[in-house]
Protein backbone atom coordinates (compact mmCIF):
# COMPACT_ATOMS: atom_id res chain seq x y z
CA GLU A 1 -13.42 -9.89 -5.85
CA SER A 2 -16.40 -10.69 -8.06
CA ARG A 3 -13.92 -10.34 -11.36
CA VAL A 4 -10.51 -10.79 -11.89
CA LEU A 5 -8.84 -7.98 -13.21
CA ARG A 6 -5.42 -9.01 -13.83
CA THR A 7 -3.53 -6.06 -11.87
CA VAL A 8 -2.26 -8.09 -8.94
CA PRO A 9 -0.66 -10.92 -11.00
CA LEU A 10 0.98 -8.45 -13.34
CA LEU A 11 2.70 -6.69 -10.61
CA ALA A 12 3.70 -10.08 -8.83
CA ALA A 13 5.39 -11.07 -11.92
CA CYS A 14 7.52 -7.42 -12.70
CA LEU A 15 8.93 -8.21 -9.24
CA PRO A 16 11.54 -10.84 -8.11
CA GLN A 17 10.06 -13.69 -6.22
CA GLY A 18 9.12 -13.33 -2.83
CA LYS A 19 8.64 -9.52 -3.00
CA CYS A 20 5.14 -8.96 -3.50
CA ASN A 21 3.06 -10.25 -0.65
CA VAL A 22 -0.88 -10.52 -1.83
CA ILE A 23 -3.50 -10.17 0.99
CA VAL A 24 -6.94 -10.96 -0.27
CA GLY A 25 -9.95 -9.33 1.60
CA ARG A 26 -11.81 -6.53 2.30
CA ARG A 27 -11.46 -6.16 6.53
CA PHE A 28 -7.87 -6.72 7.83
CA ASN A 29 -7.37 -6.73 11.62
CA GLU A 30 -4.36 -7.57 13.67
CA ASP A 31 -5.69 -10.82 15.08
CA LYS A 32 -6.35 -12.25 11.86
CA HIS A 33 -3.69 -10.52 9.68
CA PRO A 34 -0.50 -10.15 12.15
CA GLU A 35 1.91 -9.99 9.14
CA LEU A 36 0.06 -7.30 7.80
CA ALA A 37 0.15 -5.24 11.20
CA ALA A 38 4.03 -5.69 11.95
CA VAL A 39 4.31 -4.25 8.25
CA CYS A 40 1.64 -1.20 8.81
CA ARG A 41 3.88 -0.64 12.10
CA ASP A 42 7.61 -0.50 10.61
CA ASP A 43 8.46 2.98 9.92
CA ARG A 44 9.89 2.00 6.60
CA THR A 45 6.30 1.22 5.13
CA LEU A 46 4.52 3.56 2.97
CA ILE A 47 0.82 3.20 1.42
CA LEU A 48 -0.13 4.57 -1.82
CA TYR A 49 -3.35 6.17 -1.54
CA PRO A 50 -4.21 9.67 -2.59
CA GLY A 51 -5.71 11.89 -0.01
CA PRO A 52 -5.33 15.36 2.50
CA LYS A 53 -2.50 13.42 4.50
CA SER A 54 -0.58 11.79 1.67
CA GLN A 55 2.54 13.22 0.49
CA ASN A 56 4.02 13.45 -3.09
CA LEU A 57 6.30 10.12 -3.46
CA GLU A 58 8.45 12.04 -5.87
CA GLU A 59 9.34 15.09 -4.01
CA LEU A 60 10.19 12.32 -1.11
CA VAL A 61 12.60 10.97 -3.21
CA GLU A 62 14.06 14.22 -4.41
CA ARG A 63 14.39 15.26 -1.10
CA GLN A 64 16.44 11.91 -0.54
CA GLU A 65 13.48 11.09 2.43
CA VAL A 66 12.84 7.74 1.20
CA ALA A 67 15.49 6.98 -1.37
CA THR A 68 18.39 5.59 0.80
CA VAL A 69 16.43 2.81 2.64
CA LYS A 70 14.39 0.35 1.44
CA HIS A 71 10.99 0.66 2.27
CA ASN A 72 7.67 -1.75 2.08
CA VAL A 73 4.73 -0.15 -0.13
CA ILE A 74 1.27 -1.16 0.44
CA ILE A 75 -1.15 -1.05 -2.28
CA ILE A 76 -4.82 -1.19 -2.28
CA ASP A 77 -6.27 -2.79 -5.38
CA GLY A 78 -9.32 -2.42 -6.50
CA THR A 79 -12.06 0.12 -7.94
CA TRP A 80 -11.96 3.45 -6.27
CA SER A 81 -14.88 2.97 -4.41
CA GLN A 82 -13.61 -0.30 -3.06
CA ALA A 83 -10.04 0.69 -2.66
CA LYS A 84 -11.77 4.00 -0.55
CA ASN A 85 -14.04 1.80 1.66
CA MET A 86 -10.73 -0.47 2.38
CA PHE A 87 -8.84 2.51 3.36
CA LEU A 88 -11.38 3.87 5.46
CA LYS A 89 -12.61 0.73 7.30
CA ASN A 90 -9.35 -0.81 8.12
CA SER A 91 -7.22 1.36 11.04
CA LEU A 92 -4.06 -0.68 9.93
CA LEU A 93 -3.63 1.03 6.99
CA HIS A 94 -3.61 4.45 8.33
CA LEU A 95 -0.50 3.58 10.21
CA PRO A 96 1.72 3.67 7.43
CA LYS A 97 3.14 7.01 5.58
CA GLN A 98 0.57 7.94 3.45
CA VAL A 99 2.26 8.79 -0.50
CA CYS A 100 0.74 9.67 -3.76
CA ALA A 101 2.14 9.48 -6.96
CA VAL A 102 1.35 13.17 -9.01
CA TYR A 103 1.64 12.70 -12.86
CA PHE A 104 1.08 15.69 -15.12
């Protein structure tokens, strides 16, 4: 938040109008962000965040687990420490299926 990294505007510019919703902040709760809570509770929502519970997104696509249905994808934008803090301190972000992208 202290400096603009241009990641989110670049992503928004690459997606069709209305397909990228940006929520700025570090703390998200159901009262202040009911739209985020609804998306997090949707079975079609994935959160791109690495960790022991995350599943390889490429493998899920190969097994047709996520390729046949349109999904919502939550991406936490920030430095690694900011992203970790946001993920750990926001229980809403623990609801979606956690995925990671592994490239070799």
